[in-house]
N, C-alpha and C. Protein backbone atom coordinates (compact mmCIF):
# COMPACT_ATOMS: atom_id res chain seq x y z
N MET A 1 -12.04 9.08 25.76
CA MET A 1 -11.79 7.82 25.10
C MET A 1 -10.38 7.87 24.48
N VAL A 2 -9.65 6.81 24.60
CA VAL A 2 -8.26 6.76 24.17
C VAL A 2 -8.13 6.68 22.66
N PHE A 3 -8.96 5.89 22.01
CA PHE A 3 -8.77 5.61 20.59
C PHE A 3 -9.97 6.14 19.80
N GLN A 4 -9.91 7.38 19.33
CA GLN A 4 -11.05 7.99 18.67
C GLN A 4 -10.82 8.29 17.19
N ASN A 5 -9.74 7.86 16.63
CA ASN A 5 -9.45 8.15 15.23
C ASN A 5 -10.14 7.12 14.35
N GLN A 6 -11.33 7.46 13.85
CA GLN A 6 -12.11 6.49 13.09
C GLN A 6 -11.46 6.12 11.77
N VAL A 7 -10.68 7.02 11.18
CA VAL A 7 -9.99 6.67 9.94
C VAL A 7 -8.95 5.58 10.21
N LEU A 8 -8.18 5.75 11.26
CA LEU A 8 -7.18 4.74 11.62
C LEU A 8 -7.83 3.43 12.03
N ILE A 9 -8.91 3.51 12.80
CA ILE A 9 -9.62 2.29 13.20
C ILE A 9 -10.14 1.55 11.97
N GLY A 10 -10.75 2.26 11.06
CA GLY A 10 -11.27 1.64 9.84
C GLY A 10 -10.16 1.00 9.02
N ALA A 11 -9.03 1.72 8.88
CA ALA A 11 -7.90 1.20 8.10
C ALA A 11 -7.34 -0.07 8.75
N LEU A 12 -7.17 -0.05 10.06
CA LEU A 12 -6.63 -1.22 10.75
C LEU A 12 -7.59 -2.40 10.72
N LEU A 13 -8.89 -2.12 10.81
CA LEU A 13 -9.88 -3.20 10.72
C LEU A 13 -9.90 -3.81 9.31
N ALA A 14 -9.77 -2.96 8.29
CA ALA A 14 -9.74 -3.47 6.92
C ALA A 14 -8.50 -4.33 6.70
N TRP A 15 -7.36 -3.86 7.19
CA TRP A 15 -6.11 -4.64 7.06
C TRP A 15 -6.24 -5.97 7.78
N SER A 16 -6.72 -5.93 9.03
CA SER A 16 -6.88 -7.16 9.81
C SER A 16 -7.88 -8.10 9.16
N GLY A 17 -8.97 -7.55 8.68
CA GLY A 17 -9.98 -8.37 8.02
C GLY A 17 -9.43 -9.07 6.79
N ALA A 18 -8.64 -8.35 6.00
CA ALA A 18 -8.03 -8.96 4.82
C ALA A 18 -7.08 -10.07 5.21
N GLN A 19 -6.27 -9.84 6.24
CA GLN A 19 -5.33 -10.88 6.68
C GLN A 19 -6.08 -12.13 7.15
N VAL A 20 -7.16 -11.94 7.91
CA VAL A 20 -7.93 -13.07 8.42
C VAL A 20 -8.65 -13.80 7.28
N LEU A 21 -9.17 -13.06 6.31
CA LEU A 21 -9.87 -13.68 5.18
C LEU A 21 -8.96 -14.57 4.34
N LYS A 22 -7.66 -14.31 4.40
CA LYS A 22 -6.73 -15.14 3.63
C LYS A 22 -6.78 -16.61 4.07
N LEU A 23 -7.04 -16.84 5.35
CA LEU A 23 -7.06 -18.21 5.87
C LEU A 23 -8.12 -19.08 5.20
N PRO A 24 -9.42 -18.72 5.27
CA PRO A 24 -10.42 -19.59 4.65
C PRO A 24 -10.31 -19.63 3.13
N ILE A 25 -9.88 -18.53 2.51
CA ILE A 25 -9.73 -18.53 1.05
C ILE A 25 -8.63 -19.50 0.64
N GLU A 26 -7.52 -19.48 1.37
CA GLU A 26 -6.42 -20.42 1.06
C GLU A 26 -6.83 -21.85 1.39
N TYR A 27 -7.61 -22.03 2.47
CA TYR A 27 -8.08 -23.37 2.81
C TYR A 27 -8.97 -23.93 1.70
N ALA A 28 -9.86 -23.09 1.17
CA ALA A 28 -10.74 -23.53 0.09
C ALA A 28 -9.94 -23.93 -1.15
N ARG A 29 -8.81 -23.28 -1.35
CA ARG A 29 -7.98 -23.56 -2.52
C ARG A 29 -7.12 -24.81 -2.33
N THR A 30 -6.54 -24.98 -1.12
CA THR A 30 -5.55 -26.05 -0.91
C THR A 30 -6.01 -27.16 0.02
N ARG A 31 -7.10 -26.94 0.73
CA ARG A 31 -7.61 -27.89 1.74
C ARG A 31 -6.63 -28.10 2.89
N SER A 32 -5.85 -27.07 3.19
CA SER A 32 -5.00 -27.11 4.38
C SER A 32 -4.91 -25.70 4.96
N TRP A 33 -4.78 -25.64 6.29
CA TRP A 33 -4.69 -24.35 6.97
C TRP A 33 -3.25 -23.88 6.97
N ASN A 34 -3.04 -22.63 6.62
CA ASN A 34 -1.72 -22.02 6.60
C ASN A 34 -1.76 -20.78 7.48
N TRP A 35 -1.49 -20.98 8.77
CA TRP A 35 -1.62 -19.89 9.75
C TRP A 35 -0.61 -18.78 9.54
N SER A 36 0.47 -19.07 8.82
CA SER A 36 1.48 -18.02 8.59
C SER A 36 0.93 -16.90 7.71
N LEU A 37 -0.18 -17.15 7.02
CA LEU A 37 -0.78 -16.11 6.19
C LEU A 37 -1.25 -14.90 6.99
N LEU A 38 -1.48 -15.11 8.29
CA LEU A 38 -1.93 -14.00 9.13
C LEU A 38 -0.90 -12.87 9.19
N LEU A 39 0.36 -13.21 9.00
CA LEU A 39 1.42 -12.20 9.15
C LEU A 39 2.24 -12.02 7.88
N ARG A 40 1.80 -12.58 6.75
CA ARG A 40 2.59 -12.49 5.53
C ARG A 40 1.94 -11.59 4.50
N ALA A 41 2.77 -11.04 3.62
CA ALA A 41 2.28 -10.25 2.50
C ALA A 41 1.89 -11.19 1.36
N GLY A 42 1.05 -10.71 0.47
CA GLY A 42 0.63 -11.49 -0.68
C GLY A 42 -0.61 -12.30 -0.37
N GLY A 43 -1.27 -12.74 -1.42
CA GLY A 43 -2.46 -13.57 -1.27
C GLY A 43 -3.74 -12.78 -1.40
N MET A 44 -4.85 -13.51 -1.38
CA MET A 44 -6.19 -12.95 -1.57
C MET A 44 -6.87 -12.79 -0.24
N PRO A 45 -7.43 -11.64 0.09
CA PRO A 45 -7.35 -10.37 -0.62
C PRO A 45 -6.11 -9.58 -0.21
N SER A 46 -5.82 -8.54 -0.93
CA SER A 46 -4.67 -7.70 -0.64
C SER A 46 -4.93 -6.83 0.59
N SER A 47 -4.19 -7.09 1.66
CA SER A 47 -4.35 -6.27 2.86
C SER A 47 -3.77 -4.88 2.66
N HIS A 48 -2.77 -4.76 1.78
CA HIS A 48 -2.22 -3.44 1.46
C HIS A 48 -3.30 -2.57 0.82
N SER A 49 -4.00 -3.14 -0.16
CA SER A 49 -5.07 -2.40 -0.83
C SER A 49 -6.20 -2.06 0.13
N ALA A 50 -6.56 -3.00 0.98
CA ALA A 50 -7.62 -2.76 1.95
C ALA A 50 -7.24 -1.63 2.91
N LEU A 51 -6.02 -1.64 3.40
CA LEU A 51 -5.55 -0.62 4.35
C LEU A 51 -5.59 0.77 3.73
N VAL A 52 -4.96 0.95 2.57
CA VAL A 52 -4.86 2.30 2.01
C VAL A 52 -6.19 2.81 1.46
N THR A 53 -7.03 1.92 0.94
CA THR A 53 -8.32 2.40 0.47
C THR A 53 -9.27 2.71 1.62
N ALA A 54 -9.19 1.95 2.70
CA ALA A 54 -10.00 2.27 3.88
C ALA A 54 -9.57 3.62 4.44
N ALA A 55 -8.27 3.86 4.49
CA ALA A 55 -7.79 5.16 4.99
C ALA A 55 -8.24 6.29 4.07
N ALA A 56 -8.08 6.13 2.76
CA ALA A 56 -8.48 7.18 1.82
C ALA A 56 -9.98 7.43 1.88
N HIS A 57 -10.76 6.36 1.88
CA HIS A 57 -12.22 6.52 1.93
C HIS A 57 -12.65 7.15 3.26
N GLY A 58 -12.02 6.71 4.35
CA GLY A 58 -12.33 7.30 5.66
C GLY A 58 -12.00 8.78 5.71
N ILE A 59 -10.88 9.17 5.11
CA ILE A 59 -10.51 10.59 5.06
C ILE A 59 -11.55 11.36 4.23
N GLY A 60 -11.97 10.78 3.11
CA GLY A 60 -13.00 11.44 2.30
C GLY A 60 -14.30 11.61 3.06
N LEU A 61 -14.69 10.57 3.80
CA LEU A 61 -15.94 10.64 4.55
C LEU A 61 -15.88 11.65 5.69
N THR A 62 -14.74 11.74 6.36
CA THR A 62 -14.64 12.61 7.53
C THR A 62 -14.19 14.03 7.21
N SER A 63 -13.32 14.18 6.21
CA SER A 63 -12.77 15.51 5.90
C SER A 63 -13.34 16.11 4.62
N GLY A 64 -13.94 15.28 3.80
CA GLY A 64 -14.50 15.75 2.54
C GLY A 64 -13.73 15.18 1.36
N PHE A 65 -14.47 14.84 0.32
CA PHE A 65 -13.86 14.27 -0.87
C PHE A 65 -13.24 15.34 -1.77
N ASP A 66 -13.41 16.61 -1.41
CA ASP A 66 -12.86 17.70 -2.21
C ASP A 66 -11.68 18.40 -1.51
N THR A 67 -11.07 17.69 -0.54
CA THR A 67 -9.97 18.30 0.20
C THR A 67 -8.61 17.83 -0.33
N PRO A 68 -7.58 18.64 -0.13
CA PRO A 68 -6.24 18.20 -0.52
C PRO A 68 -5.80 16.94 0.23
N LEU A 69 -6.24 16.77 1.47
CA LEU A 69 -5.88 15.57 2.24
C LEU A 69 -6.43 14.32 1.58
N PHE A 70 -7.65 14.38 1.09
CA PHE A 70 -8.21 13.23 0.38
C PHE A 70 -7.43 12.97 -0.90
N ALA A 71 -7.10 14.02 -1.63
CA ALA A 71 -6.34 13.86 -2.87
C ALA A 71 -5.00 13.18 -2.59
N MET A 72 -4.34 13.59 -1.54
CA MET A 72 -3.05 12.99 -1.18
C MET A 72 -3.22 11.52 -0.79
N SER A 73 -4.29 11.22 -0.06
CA SER A 73 -4.51 9.83 0.36
C SER A 73 -4.82 8.94 -0.85
N VAL A 74 -5.52 9.46 -1.84
CA VAL A 74 -5.80 8.70 -3.06
C VAL A 74 -4.50 8.46 -3.83
N ALA A 75 -3.66 9.50 -3.93
CA ALA A 75 -2.37 9.35 -4.62
C ALA A 75 -1.53 8.28 -3.93
N LEU A 76 -1.47 8.31 -2.61
CA LEU A 76 -0.72 7.30 -1.86
C LEU A 76 -1.29 5.90 -2.09
N ALA A 77 -2.61 5.80 -2.07
CA ALA A 77 -3.26 4.50 -2.30
C ALA A 77 -2.93 3.97 -3.69
N MET A 78 -2.93 4.86 -4.68
CA MET A 78 -2.61 4.43 -6.04
C MET A 78 -1.18 3.90 -6.13
N ILE A 79 -0.25 4.55 -5.46
CA ILE A 79 1.14 4.10 -5.47
C ILE A 79 1.27 2.73 -4.80
N VAL A 80 0.63 2.56 -3.66
CA VAL A 80 0.71 1.29 -2.93
C VAL A 80 0.10 0.16 -3.75
N ILE A 81 -1.06 0.40 -4.34
CA ILE A 81 -1.73 -0.65 -5.12
C ILE A 81 -0.93 -0.96 -6.38
N TYR A 82 -0.40 0.06 -7.02
CA TYR A 82 0.44 -0.17 -8.20
C TYR A 82 1.66 -1.00 -7.84
N ASP A 83 2.29 -0.66 -6.72
CA ASP A 83 3.47 -1.41 -6.28
C ASP A 83 3.10 -2.86 -5.97
N ALA A 84 1.98 -3.06 -5.30
CA ALA A 84 1.56 -4.42 -4.93
C ALA A 84 1.28 -5.28 -6.16
N THR A 85 0.69 -4.68 -7.19
CA THR A 85 0.33 -5.46 -8.37
C THR A 85 1.42 -5.47 -9.43
N GLY A 86 2.34 -4.56 -9.36
CA GLY A 86 3.38 -4.46 -10.38
C GLY A 86 4.72 -4.97 -9.92
N ILE A 87 5.43 -4.13 -9.22
CA ILE A 87 6.82 -4.42 -8.85
C ILE A 87 6.93 -5.63 -7.93
N ARG A 88 6.11 -5.68 -6.87
CA ARG A 88 6.20 -6.80 -5.94
C ARG A 88 5.74 -8.10 -6.60
N ARG A 89 4.76 -8.03 -7.47
CA ARG A 89 4.31 -9.24 -8.17
C ARG A 89 5.41 -9.75 -9.09
N GLN A 90 6.09 -8.83 -9.76
CA GLN A 90 7.19 -9.20 -10.65
C GLN A 90 8.32 -9.86 -9.85
N ALA A 91 8.62 -9.34 -8.66
CA ALA A 91 9.64 -9.96 -7.82
C ALA A 91 9.24 -11.39 -7.44
N GLY A 92 7.95 -11.61 -7.22
CA GLY A 92 7.47 -12.96 -6.94
C GLY A 92 7.65 -13.90 -8.12
N GLN A 93 7.43 -13.40 -9.32
CA GLN A 93 7.64 -14.22 -10.51
C GLN A 93 9.12 -14.54 -10.68
N HIS A 94 9.98 -13.61 -10.36
CA HIS A 94 11.43 -13.87 -10.42
C HIS A 94 11.81 -14.96 -9.43
N ALA A 95 11.27 -14.88 -8.22
CA ALA A 95 11.57 -15.90 -7.21
C ALA A 95 11.14 -17.28 -7.68
N LYS A 96 10.00 -17.36 -8.35
CA LYS A 96 9.51 -18.64 -8.85
C LYS A 96 10.49 -19.22 -9.88
N ILE A 97 10.99 -18.37 -10.77
CA ILE A 97 11.94 -18.83 -11.78
C ILE A 97 13.25 -19.27 -11.12
N ILE A 98 13.74 -18.49 -10.18
CA ILE A 98 14.98 -18.84 -9.49
C ILE A 98 14.82 -20.18 -8.76
N ASN A 99 13.69 -20.39 -8.11
CA ASN A 99 13.45 -21.65 -7.41
C ASN A 99 13.43 -22.83 -8.39
N THR A 100 12.87 -22.63 -9.56
CA THR A 100 12.87 -23.70 -10.57
C THR A 100 14.29 -24.00 -11.03
N ILE A 101 15.08 -22.98 -11.25
CA ILE A 101 16.48 -23.16 -11.67
C ILE A 101 17.26 -23.93 -10.60
N ILE A 102 17.08 -23.55 -9.34
CA ILE A 102 17.79 -24.22 -8.24
C ILE A 102 17.37 -25.69 -8.18
N LYS A 103 16.07 -25.96 -8.31
CA LYS A 103 15.58 -27.35 -8.26
C LYS A 103 16.19 -28.17 -9.40
N ASP A 104 16.18 -27.61 -10.60
CA ASP A 104 16.75 -28.31 -11.75
C ASP A 104 18.24 -28.57 -11.56
N PHE A 105 18.94 -27.58 -11.05
CA PHE A 105 20.38 -27.69 -10.83
C PHE A 105 20.71 -28.77 -9.81
N LEU A 106 19.90 -28.84 -8.77
CA LEU A 106 20.18 -29.77 -7.67
C LEU A 106 19.60 -31.17 -7.89
N GLU A 107 18.87 -31.39 -8.95
CA GLU A 107 18.33 -32.72 -9.19
C GLU A 107 19.47 -33.73 -9.28
N GLY A 108 19.32 -34.80 -8.57
CA GLY A 108 20.38 -35.79 -8.53
C GLY A 108 21.33 -35.58 -7.37
N HIS A 109 21.15 -34.51 -6.61
CA HIS A 109 21.98 -34.21 -5.44
C HIS A 109 21.07 -34.03 -4.21
N PRO A 110 20.41 -35.12 -3.76
CA PRO A 110 19.44 -34.98 -2.67
C PRO A 110 20.05 -34.59 -1.32
N ALA A 111 21.36 -34.74 -1.14
CA ALA A 111 21.96 -34.39 0.14
C ALA A 111 22.07 -32.88 0.33
N ARG A 112 22.05 -32.13 -0.73
CA ARG A 112 22.16 -30.68 -0.64
C ARG A 112 20.77 -30.08 -0.45
N SER A 113 20.66 -29.17 0.48
CA SER A 113 19.37 -28.50 0.66
C SER A 113 19.55 -27.00 0.44
N GLN A 114 18.57 -26.43 -0.16
CA GLN A 114 18.56 -24.99 -0.40
C GLN A 114 17.25 -24.44 0.13
N GLU A 115 17.32 -23.28 0.75
CA GLU A 115 16.09 -22.63 1.20
C GLU A 115 15.38 -22.04 -0.01
N LYS A 116 14.08 -22.32 -0.11
CA LYS A 116 13.31 -21.78 -1.22
C LYS A 116 12.97 -20.32 -0.96
N LEU A 117 13.01 -19.54 -2.01
CA LEU A 117 12.60 -18.15 -1.92
C LEU A 117 11.08 -18.07 -1.90
N ARG A 118 10.54 -17.08 -1.20
CA ARG A 118 9.09 -16.87 -1.22
C ARG A 118 8.68 -16.40 -2.59
N GLU A 119 7.64 -17.01 -3.13
CA GLU A 119 7.20 -16.68 -4.47
C GLU A 119 6.02 -15.71 -4.49
N VAL A 120 5.24 -15.66 -3.43
CA VAL A 120 4.09 -14.76 -3.40
C VAL A 120 4.47 -13.51 -2.62
N LEU A 121 4.85 -12.48 -3.34
CA LEU A 121 5.22 -11.21 -2.73
C LEU A 121 4.19 -10.12 -3.05
N GLY A 122 3.64 -10.18 -4.21
CA GLY A 122 2.71 -9.16 -4.66
C GLY A 122 1.32 -9.73 -4.86
N HIS A 123 0.51 -8.99 -5.60
CA HIS A 123 -0.88 -9.37 -5.78
C HIS A 123 -1.26 -9.32 -7.24
N SER A 124 -2.20 -10.16 -7.60
CA SER A 124 -2.80 -10.06 -8.92
C SER A 124 -3.73 -8.85 -8.89
N PRO A 125 -4.11 -8.33 -10.05
CA PRO A 125 -5.07 -7.23 -10.05
C PRO A 125 -6.38 -7.57 -9.34
N LEU A 126 -6.85 -8.82 -9.45
CA LEU A 126 -8.07 -9.22 -8.76
C LEU A 126 -7.90 -9.15 -7.25
N GLU A 127 -6.76 -9.62 -6.74
CA GLU A 127 -6.50 -9.57 -5.30
C GLU A 127 -6.49 -8.13 -4.81
N ALA A 128 -5.85 -7.24 -5.58
CA ALA A 128 -5.80 -5.82 -5.20
C ALA A 128 -7.20 -5.20 -5.26
N PHE A 129 -7.98 -5.57 -6.27
CA PHE A 129 -9.34 -5.05 -6.39
C PHE A 129 -10.20 -5.46 -5.21
N ILE A 130 -10.14 -6.75 -4.83
CA ILE A 130 -10.94 -7.23 -3.71
C ILE A 130 -10.50 -6.52 -2.42
N GLY A 131 -9.20 -6.33 -2.24
CA GLY A 131 -8.72 -5.59 -1.07
C GLY A 131 -9.22 -4.15 -1.07
N THR A 132 -9.26 -3.54 -2.25
CA THR A 132 -9.76 -2.17 -2.38
C THR A 132 -11.23 -2.08 -2.00
N VAL A 133 -12.04 -3.01 -2.51
CA VAL A 133 -13.46 -3.04 -2.19
C VAL A 133 -13.66 -3.27 -0.69
N LEU A 134 -12.88 -4.18 -0.11
CA LEU A 134 -12.96 -4.44 1.32
C LEU A 134 -12.63 -3.18 2.11
N GLY A 135 -11.58 -2.47 1.72
CA GLY A 135 -11.20 -1.24 2.41
C GLY A 135 -12.29 -0.19 2.38
N ILE A 136 -12.90 0.01 1.24
CA ILE A 136 -13.98 0.99 1.13
C ILE A 136 -15.17 0.58 1.98
N ALA A 137 -15.52 -0.70 1.94
CA ALA A 137 -16.67 -1.19 2.71
C ALA A 137 -16.45 -1.03 4.22
N VAL A 138 -15.28 -1.38 4.70
CA VAL A 138 -15.01 -1.27 6.14
C VAL A 138 -15.01 0.19 6.57
N ALA A 139 -14.39 1.08 5.79
CA ALA A 139 -14.39 2.51 6.13
C ALA A 139 -15.81 3.05 6.18
N GLN A 140 -16.64 2.61 5.23
CA GLN A 140 -18.03 3.08 5.18
C GLN A 140 -18.81 2.59 6.42
N ILE A 141 -18.58 1.33 6.81
CA ILE A 141 -19.26 0.78 7.99
C ILE A 141 -18.82 1.51 9.26
N VAL A 142 -17.51 1.71 9.41
CA VAL A 142 -17.01 2.45 10.60
C VAL A 142 -17.58 3.85 10.62
N TYR A 143 -17.60 4.53 9.49
CA TYR A 143 -18.16 5.88 9.40
C TYR A 143 -19.63 5.87 9.77
N GLY A 144 -20.37 4.87 9.28
CA GLY A 144 -21.80 4.79 9.57
C GLY A 144 -22.11 4.50 11.03
N LEU A 145 -21.23 3.77 11.68
CA LEU A 145 -21.43 3.44 13.10
C LEU A 145 -20.97 4.54 14.04
N TRP A 146 -20.14 5.45 13.54
CA TRP A 146 -19.56 6.51 14.37
C TRP A 146 -20.61 7.58 14.61
N ALA A 147 -20.62 8.13 15.82
CA ALA A 147 -21.53 9.22 16.15
C ALA A 147 -21.03 10.51 15.49
N HIS A 148 -21.90 11.16 14.71
CA HIS A 148 -21.53 12.41 14.05
C HIS A 148 -22.31 13.56 14.65
N PRO A 149 -21.61 14.67 14.88
CA PRO A 149 -22.32 15.83 15.46
C PRO A 149 -23.32 16.45 14.50
């Protein structure tokens, strides 16, 4: 079989699942479909959190929760989730302020157009938490479905 790495499969399924779930969640919020969410960062749930937690949980399930590899994967997951909820979220808040300043500055000058900066770059703690739960659940399901010697 070509693709037998269950940790990678679980991580990719969790990431894909999070990206796909963004569509109906955003539709429920705005009543419009935004297909670009399939390939964008930010939004509910956090695909970054889902990916790294599925990988960490999958490593724990397959290699043991008391191994250095699991410890390293948890450390990496913590860094990614912290970055998603901290630094990247802060950059999104900066973009929102800059966009407001540009709009205020250009009021009265409708002929000038400016490209808006993306405002959703990071995640709220809730978005990261839901992505984390999704990652653990998908890794557990993949592990449970996998044949074990």
